């Protein structure tokens, strides 16, 4: 897997995931919406750590540094 995510992209995904977790634990979101958002937050965290987003491939996107 070649990395296709830049630093800003990784930080934004991590911050969004953190906000979702905070909203869940403060009971602002609940039910099905909370489950869906928590799964999405988990995916954001994993892709941030890997630096690779599979959804970028079909569109040819790369937010990382140009080689």
N, C-alpha and C. Protein backbone atom coordinates (compact mmCIF):
# COMPACT_ATOMS: atom_id res chain seq x y z
N UNK A 1 0.84 -1.18 0.00
CA UNK A 1 0.00 0.00 0.00
C UNK A 1 0.88 1.24 0.00
N UNK A 2 0.71 2.03 -1.02
CA UNK A 2 1.43 3.29 -1.09
C UNK A 2 0.59 4.35 -0.38
N UNK A 3 1.23 5.14 0.45
CA UNK A 3 0.50 6.16 1.20
C UNK A 3 -0.07 7.20 0.24
N UNK A 4 -1.31 7.58 0.47
CA UNK A 4 -1.94 8.59 -0.36
C UNK A 4 -2.65 9.67 0.47
N UNK A 5 -2.23 9.80 1.73
CA UNK A 5 -2.82 10.81 2.61
C UNK A 5 -1.73 11.72 3.16
N UNK A 6 -2.02 13.01 3.15
CA UNK A 6 -1.09 13.99 3.69
C UNK A 6 -1.33 14.21 5.18
N UNK A 7 -0.46 14.99 5.78
CA UNK A 7 -0.53 15.25 7.21
C UNK A 7 -1.83 15.96 7.60
N UNK A 8 -2.23 16.95 6.83
CA UNK A 8 -3.45 17.69 7.14
C UNK A 8 -4.66 16.75 7.09
N UNK A 9 -4.70 15.90 6.09
CA UNK A 9 -5.79 14.93 5.96
C UNK A 9 -5.84 14.01 7.18
N UNK A 10 -4.70 13.53 7.62
CA UNK A 10 -4.62 12.64 8.79
C UNK A 10 -5.11 13.35 10.05
N UNK A 11 -4.68 14.59 10.24
CA UNK A 11 -5.07 15.35 11.43
C UNK A 11 -6.57 15.61 11.45
N UNK A 12 -7.13 15.99 10.31
CA UNK A 12 -8.57 16.26 10.23
C UNK A 12 -9.36 15.00 10.55
N UNK A 13 -8.95 13.86 9.99
CA UNK A 13 -9.66 12.60 10.26
C UNK A 13 -9.59 12.23 11.74
N UNK A 14 -8.43 12.42 12.34
CA UNK A 14 -8.26 12.10 13.76
C UNK A 14 -9.11 13.01 14.63
N UNK A 15 -9.16 14.30 14.29
CA UNK A 15 -9.97 15.24 15.06
C UNK A 15 -11.46 14.93 14.93
N UNK A 16 -11.90 14.59 13.73
CA UNK A 16 -13.31 14.23 13.53
C UNK A 16 -13.65 12.99 14.36
N UNK A 17 -12.77 12.00 14.35
CA UNK A 17 -12.99 10.79 15.14
C UNK A 17 -13.06 11.12 16.63
N UNK A 18 -12.19 11.99 17.10
CA UNK A 18 -12.19 12.38 18.51
C UNK A 18 -13.50 13.09 18.88
N UNK A 19 -13.98 13.96 18.02
CA UNK A 19 -15.24 14.66 18.28
C UNK A 19 -16.40 13.67 18.37
N UNK A 20 -16.43 12.70 17.48
CA UNK A 20 -17.50 11.70 17.51
C UNK A 20 -17.47 10.91 18.82
N UNK A 21 -16.28 10.51 19.25
CA UNK A 21 -16.15 9.76 20.50
C UNK A 21 -16.59 10.62 21.68
N UNK A 22 -16.20 11.88 21.70
CA UNK A 22 -16.61 12.78 22.78
C UNK A 22 -18.13 12.94 22.79
N UNK A 23 -18.72 13.14 21.62
CA UNK A 23 -20.18 13.27 21.55
C UNK A 23 -20.89 12.02 22.03
N UNK A 24 -20.32 10.87 21.74
CA UNK A 24 -20.92 9.61 22.19
C UNK A 24 -20.86 9.48 23.71
N UNK A 25 -19.70 9.74 24.29
CA UNK A 25 -19.55 9.56 25.74
C UNK A 25 -20.23 10.65 26.55
N UNK A 26 -20.56 11.78 25.95
CA UNK A 26 -21.33 12.82 26.64
C UNK A 26 -22.83 12.68 26.34
N UNK A 27 -23.20 11.59 25.66
CA UNK A 27 -24.59 11.25 25.36
C UNK A 27 -25.30 12.28 24.48
N UNK A 28 -24.54 12.97 23.66
CA UNK A 28 -25.14 13.89 22.70
C UNK A 28 -25.70 13.10 21.52
N UNK A 29 -25.00 12.04 21.13
CA UNK A 29 -25.50 11.15 20.08
C UNK A 29 -25.74 9.77 20.69
N UNK A 30 -26.73 9.08 20.18
CA UNK A 30 -27.02 7.74 20.69
C UNK A 30 -27.76 6.94 19.62
N UNK A 31 -27.96 5.70 19.91
CA UNK A 31 -28.71 4.83 19.01
C UNK A 31 -27.95 4.45 17.76
N UNK A 32 -28.70 4.26 16.69
CA UNK A 32 -28.12 3.83 15.42
C UNK A 32 -27.13 4.86 14.87
N UNK A 33 -27.47 6.13 15.00
CA UNK A 33 -26.57 7.19 14.53
C UNK A 33 -25.22 7.09 15.23
N UNK A 34 -25.24 6.85 16.52
CA UNK A 34 -23.99 6.75 17.28
C UNK A 34 -23.16 5.56 16.80
N UNK A 35 -23.80 4.45 16.55
CA UNK A 35 -23.08 3.26 16.09
C UNK A 35 -22.44 3.51 14.73
N UNK A 36 -23.20 4.08 13.82
CA UNK A 36 -22.68 4.37 12.48
C UNK A 36 -21.51 5.35 12.56
N UNK A 37 -21.66 6.39 13.35
CA UNK A 37 -20.59 7.40 13.47
C UNK A 37 -19.35 6.82 14.17
N UNK A 38 -19.54 5.94 15.14
CA UNK A 38 -18.40 5.32 15.80
C UNK A 38 -17.64 4.39 14.85
N UNK A 39 -18.36 3.68 14.02
CA UNK A 39 -17.69 2.83 13.01
C UNK A 39 -16.92 3.70 12.04
N UNK A 40 -17.53 4.77 11.59
CA UNK A 40 -16.85 5.70 10.69
C UNK A 40 -15.62 6.32 11.37
N UNK A 41 -15.74 6.66 12.64
CA UNK A 41 -14.61 7.22 13.38
C UNK A 41 -13.48 6.21 13.48
N UNK A 42 -13.82 4.94 13.70
CA UNK A 42 -12.81 3.89 13.74
C UNK A 42 -12.08 3.76 12.42
N UNK A 43 -12.83 3.82 11.33
CA UNK A 43 -12.21 3.75 10.01
C UNK A 43 -11.30 4.95 9.78
N UNK A 44 -11.74 6.12 10.22
CA UNK A 44 -10.90 7.33 10.08
C UNK A 44 -9.59 7.18 10.84
N UNK A 45 -9.65 6.63 12.05
CA UNK A 45 -8.43 6.46 12.85
C UNK A 45 -7.48 5.46 12.18
N UNK A 46 -8.02 4.35 11.72
CA UNK A 46 -7.18 3.33 11.08
C UNK A 46 -6.53 3.88 9.81
N UNK A 47 -7.31 4.55 8.97
CA UNK A 47 -6.73 5.09 7.74
C UNK A 47 -5.72 6.20 8.04
N UNK A 48 -5.94 6.94 9.12
CA UNK A 48 -4.97 7.98 9.50
C UNK A 48 -3.64 7.37 9.90
N UNK A 49 -3.68 6.29 10.68
CA UNK A 49 -2.44 5.66 11.11
C UNK A 49 -1.72 4.98 9.96
N UNK A 50 -2.49 4.41 9.03
CA UNK A 50 -1.88 3.74 7.88
C UNK A 50 -1.41 4.74 6.82
N UNK A 51 -2.06 5.91 6.76
CA UNK A 51 -1.72 6.89 5.74
C UNK A 51 -2.24 6.49 4.37
N UNK A 52 -3.21 5.60 4.35
CA UNK A 52 -3.75 5.08 3.10
C UNK A 52 -5.27 5.04 3.16
N UNK A 53 -5.91 5.62 2.16
CA UNK A 53 -7.37 5.59 2.06
C UNK A 53 -7.74 4.87 0.77
N UNK A 54 -8.38 3.69 0.88
CA UNK A 54 -8.74 2.93 -0.31
C UNK A 54 -9.74 3.66 -1.21
N UNK A 55 -10.56 4.54 -0.66
CA UNK A 55 -11.52 5.27 -1.48
C UNK A 55 -10.86 6.31 -2.39
N UNK A 56 -9.63 6.67 -2.10
CA UNK A 56 -8.92 7.63 -2.94
C UNK A 56 -8.45 6.99 -4.25
N UNK A 57 -8.23 5.68 -4.25
CA UNK A 57 -7.69 4.99 -5.43
C UNK A 57 -8.54 5.15 -6.69
N UNK A 58 -9.84 4.84 -6.65
CA UNK A 58 -10.63 4.94 -7.89
C UNK A 58 -10.68 6.36 -8.46
N UNK A 59 -10.52 7.35 -7.59
CA UNK A 59 -10.60 8.74 -8.03
C UNK A 59 -9.23 9.34 -8.33
N UNK A 60 -8.18 8.58 -8.04
CA UNK A 60 -6.82 9.07 -8.30
C UNK A 60 -6.39 10.19 -7.37
N UNK A 61 -6.97 10.24 -6.19
CA UNK A 61 -6.65 11.31 -5.24
C UNK A 61 -5.39 10.97 -4.45
N UNK A 62 -4.64 12.01 -4.13
CA UNK A 62 -3.44 11.86 -3.30
C UNK A 62 -3.23 13.18 -2.59
N UNK A 63 -3.46 13.20 -1.27
CA UNK A 63 -3.27 14.44 -0.51
C UNK A 63 -1.89 14.54 0.10
N UNK A 64 -1.05 13.56 -0.20
CA UNK A 64 0.32 13.56 0.32
C UNK A 64 1.24 14.41 -0.52
N UNK A 65 2.51 14.35 -0.17
CA UNK A 65 3.53 15.12 -0.89
C UNK A 65 3.70 14.55 -2.30
N UNK A 66 3.99 15.45 -3.22
CA UNK A 66 4.25 15.02 -4.59
C UNK A 66 5.67 14.47 -4.68
N UNK A 67 5.84 13.39 -5.42
CA UNK A 67 7.16 12.77 -5.54
C UNK A 67 7.94 13.35 -6.68
